[in-house]
Amino acid sequence: MIIFHLCTEKKEKEVERIAGEIGHGILKTGYGDLNKVLLGLCENKSLHKDIKLPLLYNMPEVLIFYKTEDEELDRFLDMYRETGLEGIKLKSIITPTNINWTLYELIEELKKESAFITQ
């Protein structure tokens, strides 16, 4: 499964197309999903945490891969690059460490990691 939040319809359509080609389902997320636990999003369960979200949170673009083999991930990323669309900065795979985080917690961790890498 590929969980995503993207800012353009063109990117959404390409992610949906590529996911279909590699045999993965998709889940489009938004602000209302930020307090949901990743396991709940992945397994279609109602799991959430009561966390205080910033009132005017600008949700960044993000791609999250669940139960995706390395070859599938490489193929997805290669196919997305071939579209010529602007890259998606925040990407992650679901791990035993982050599966019980909320979508918001994962995004914030990815933002910290990205800032550290680009220093």
C-alpha atoms as a PDB file:
ATOM      1  CA  MET A   1       0.000   0.000   0.000  1.00  0.00           C
ATOM      2  CA  ILE A   2       1.114   3.533  -0.713  1.00  0.00           C
ATOM      3  CA  ILE A   3      -0.161   6.242   1.613  1.00  0.00           C
ATOM      4  CA  PHE A   4       0.253   9.773   0.352  1.00  0.00           C
ATOM      5  CA  HIS A   5      -0.536  13.439   0.594  1.00  0.00           C
ATOM      6  CA  LEU A   6       0.298  15.447  -2.511  1.00  0.00           C
ATOM      7  CA  CYS A   7      -0.324  19.039  -3.521  1.00  0.00           C
ATOM      8  CA  THR A   8      -1.209  18.580  -7.175  1.00  0.00           C
ATOM      9  CA  GLU A   9      -3.743  16.443  -8.959  1.00  0.00           C
ATOM     10  CA  LYS A  10      -1.149  15.584 -11.590  1.00  0.00           C
ATOM     11  CA  LYS A  11       1.148  14.038  -8.971  1.00  0.00           C
ATOM     12  CA  GLU A  12      -1.784  12.180  -7.402  1.00  0.00           C
ATOM     13  CA  LYS A  13      -2.783  10.683 -10.735  1.00  0.00           C
ATOM     14  CA  GLU A  14       0.776   9.546 -11.460  1.00  0.00           C
ATOM     15  CA  VAL A  15       1.177   7.979  -8.008  1.00  0.00           C
ATOM     16  CA  GLU A  16      -2.161   6.186  -8.456  1.00  0.00           C
ATOM     17  CA  ARG A  17      -1.135   4.964 -11.933  1.00  0.00           C
ATOM     18  CA  ILE A  18       2.286   3.745 -10.837  1.00  0.00           C
ATOM     19  CA  ALA A  19       0.899   2.081  -7.700  1.00  0.00           C
ATOM     20  CA  GLY A  20      -1.565   0.199  -9.894  1.00  0.00           C
ATOM     21  CA  GLU A  21       1.211  -0.911 -12.228  1.00  0.00           C
ATOM     22  CA  ILE A  22       3.224  -2.408  -9.364  1.00  0.00           C
ATOM     23  CA  GLY A  23       0.103  -3.938  -7.787  1.00  0.00           C
ATOM     24  CA  HIS A  24      -0.270  -1.716  -4.740  1.00  0.00           C
ATOM     25  CA  GLY A  25      -3.344  -0.103  -3.269  1.00  0.00           C
ATOM     26  CA  ILE A  26      -3.342   3.564  -2.340  1.00  0.00           C
ATOM     27  CA  LEU A  27      -4.633   5.730   0.461  1.00  0.00           C
ATOM     28  CA  LYS A  28      -4.893   9.481   0.001  1.00  0.00           C
ATOM     29  CA  THR A  29      -4.568  11.332   3.312  1.00  0.00           C
ATOM     30  CA  GLY A  30      -5.282  14.809   4.552  1.00  0.00           C
ATOM     31  CA  TYR A  31      -5.347  16.994   7.646  1.00  0.00           C
ATOM     32  CA  GLY A  32      -8.085  14.854   9.229  1.00  0.00           C
ATOM     33  CA  ASP A  33      -5.751  11.843   9.234  1.00  0.00           C
ATOM     34  CA  LEU A  34      -2.848  13.450  11.101  1.00  0.00           C
ATOM     35  CA  ASN A  35      -3.838  12.034  14.507  1.00  0.00           C
ATOM     36  CA  LYS A  36      -4.426   8.528  13.113  1.00  0.00           C
ATOM     37  CA  VAL A  37      -1.960   5.778  13.978  1.00  0.00           C
ATOM     38  CA  LEU A  38      -0.155   4.391  10.923  1.00  0.00           C
ATOM     39  CA  LEU A  39      -1.206   0.817  11.752  1.00  0.00           C
ATOM     40  CA  GLY A  40      -4.817   1.970  11.694  1.00  0.00           C
ATOM     41  CA  LEU A  41      -4.374   3.689   8.328  1.00  0.00           C
ATOM     42  CA  CYS A  42      -2.648   0.622   6.871  1.00  0.00           C
ATOM     43  CA  GLU A  43      -5.141  -1.926   8.206  1.00  0.00           C
ATOM     44  CA  ASN A  44      -8.274   0.247   7.886  1.00  0.00           C
ATOM     45  CA  LYS A  45      -8.815   0.331  11.650  1.00  0.00           C
ATOM     46  CA  SER A  46      -9.930   3.223  13.806  1.00  0.00           C
ATOM     47  CA  LEU A  47      -6.745   3.889  15.782  1.00  0.00           C
ATOM     48  CA  HIS A  48      -5.859   7.409  16.778  1.00  0.00           C
ATOM     49  CA  LYS A  49      -4.040   9.345  19.479  1.00  0.00           C
ATOM     50  CA  ASP A  50      -5.256  12.453  21.196  1.00  0.00           C
ATOM     51  CA  ILE A  51      -2.443  14.762  20.226  1.00  0.00           C
ATOM     52  CA  LYS A  52      -2.524  18.520  19.972  1.00  0.00           C
ATOM     53  CA  LEU A  53      -2.056  19.465  16.340  1.00  0.00           C
ATOM     54  CA  PRO A  54      -0.923  22.919  15.272  1.00  0.00           C
ATOM     55  CA  LEU A  55      -3.958  24.968  14.306  1.00  0.00           C
ATOM     56  CA  LEU A  56      -2.592  26.170  10.971  1.00  0.00           C
ATOM     57  CA  TYR A  57      -0.538  23.119  10.048  1.00  0.00           C
ATOM     58  CA  ASN A  58       0.698  23.147   6.461  1.00  0.00           C
ATOM     59  CA  MET A  59       0.726  19.446   5.624  1.00  0.00           C
ATOM     60  CA  PRO A  60       3.690  18.694   3.366  1.00  0.00           C
ATOM     61  CA  GLU A  61       3.781  16.231   0.513  1.00  0.00           C
ATOM     62  CA  VAL A  62       4.621  12.741   1.719  1.00  0.00           C
ATOM     63  CA  LEU A  63       4.829   9.174   0.378  1.00  0.00           C
ATOM     64  CA  ILE A  64       4.656   6.248   2.809  1.00  0.00           C
ATOM     65  CA  PHE A  65       5.162   2.660   1.721  1.00  0.00           C
ATOM     66  CA  TYR A  66       3.614  -0.288   3.594  1.00  0.00           C
ATOM     67  CA  LYS A  67       4.503  -3.905   2.878  1.00  0.00           C
ATOM     68  CA  THR A  68       6.538  -2.909  -0.163  1.00  0.00           C
ATOM     69  CA  GLU A  69       9.446  -5.090  -1.273  1.00  0.00           C
ATOM     70  CA  ASP A  70      12.757  -3.389  -2.138  1.00  0.00           C
ATOM     71  CA  GLU A  71      12.358  -4.153  -5.854  1.00  0.00           C
ATOM     72  CA  GLU A  72       8.838  -2.687  -5.876  1.00  0.00           C
ATOM     73  CA  LEU A  73      10.029   0.436  -4.100  1.00  0.00           C
ATOM     74  CA  ASP A  74      12.903   0.895  -6.556  1.00  0.00           C
ATOM     75  CA  ARG A  75      10.555   0.355  -9.493  1.00  0.00           C
ATOM     76  CA  PHE A  76       8.024   2.854  -8.103  1.00  0.00           C
ATOM     77  CA  LEU A  77      10.686   5.522  -7.556  1.00  0.00           C
ATOM     78  CA  ASP A  78      12.206   4.950 -11.002  1.00  0.00           C
ATOM     79  CA  MET A  79       8.793   5.182 -12.669  1.00  0.00           C
ATOM     80  CA  TYR A  80       7.943   8.362 -10.741  1.00  0.00           C
ATOM     81  CA  ARG A  81      11.272   9.957 -11.765  1.00  0.00           C
ATOM     82  CA  GLU A  82      10.481   9.123 -15.391  1.00  0.00           C
ATOM     83  CA  THR A  83       7.329  11.278 -15.215  1.00  0.00           C
ATOM     84  CA  GLY A  84       9.495  14.395 -14.996  1.00  0.00           C
ATOM     85  CA  LEU A  85       7.346  15.751 -12.160  1.00  0.00           C
ATOM     86  CA  GLU A  86       8.933  17.540  -9.218  1.00  0.00           C
ATOM     87  CA  GLY A  87      10.192  15.108  -6.600  1.00  0.00           C
ATOM     88  CA  ILE A  88       8.437  14.344  -3.327  1.00  0.00           C
ATOM     89  CA  LYS A  89      10.827  15.232  -0.529  1.00  0.00           C
ATOM     90  CA  LEU A  90       9.370  13.252   2.376  1.00  0.00           C
ATOM     91  CA  LYS A  91       9.295   9.483   1.896  1.00  0.00           C
ATOM     92  CA  SER A  92       9.205   6.623   4.365  1.00  0.00           C
ATOM     93  CA  ILE A  93       8.503   2.967   4.759  1.00  0.00           C
ATOM     94  CA  ILE A  94       6.433   1.615   7.631  1.00  0.00           C
ATOM     95  CA  THR A  95       8.710  -0.102  10.135  1.00  0.00           C
ATOM     96  CA  PRO A  96       8.169  -1.863  13.481  1.00  0.00           C
ATOM     97  CA  THR A  97       9.486   1.352  15.074  1.00  0.00           C
ATOM     98  CA  ASN A  98       7.085   3.797  13.414  1.00  0.00           C
ATOM     99  CA  ILE A  99       3.948   1.692  12.867  1.00  0.00           C
ATOM    100  CA  ASN A 100       2.457   2.945  16.140  1.00  0.00           C
ATOM    101  CA  TRP A 101       3.212   6.593  15.419  1.00  0.00           C
ATOM    102  CA  THR A 102       0.587   8.951  14.123  1.00  0.00           C
ATOM    103  CA  LEU A 103       0.812  10.307  10.617  1.00  0.00           C
ATOM    104  CA  TYR A 104       1.702  13.678  12.157  1.00  0.00           C
ATOM    105  CA  GLU A 105       4.526  12.182  14.241  1.00  0.00           C
ATOM    106  CA  LEU A 106       5.983  10.455  11.175  1.00  0.00           C
ATOM    107  CA  ILE A 107       5.806  13.597   9.048  1.00  0.00           C
ATOM    108  CA  GLU A 108       7.478  15.677  11.747  1.00  0.00           C
ATOM    109  CA  GLU A 109      10.273  13.100  12.110  1.00  0.00           C
ATOM    110  CA  LEU A 110      10.782  13.044   8.330  1.00  0.00           C
ATOM    111  CA  LYS A 111      10.957  16.846   8.301  1.00  0.00           C
ATOM    112  CA  LYS A 112      13.664  16.789  11.016  1.00  0.00           C
ATOM    113  CA  GLU A 113      15.649  14.144   9.131  1.00  0.00           C
ATOM    114  CA  SER A 114      15.356  16.090   5.881  1.00  0.00           C
ATOM    115  CA  ALA A 115      16.508  19.313   7.551  1.00  0.00           C
ATOM    116  CA  PHE A 116      19.491  17.511   9.081  1.00  0.00           C
ATOM    117  CA  ILE A 117      20.495  15.927   5.763  1.00  0.00           C
ATOM    118  CA  THR A 118      20.260  19.210   3.821  1.00  0.00           C
ATOM    119  CA  GLN A 119      22.343  21.201   6.326  1.00  0.00           C
END
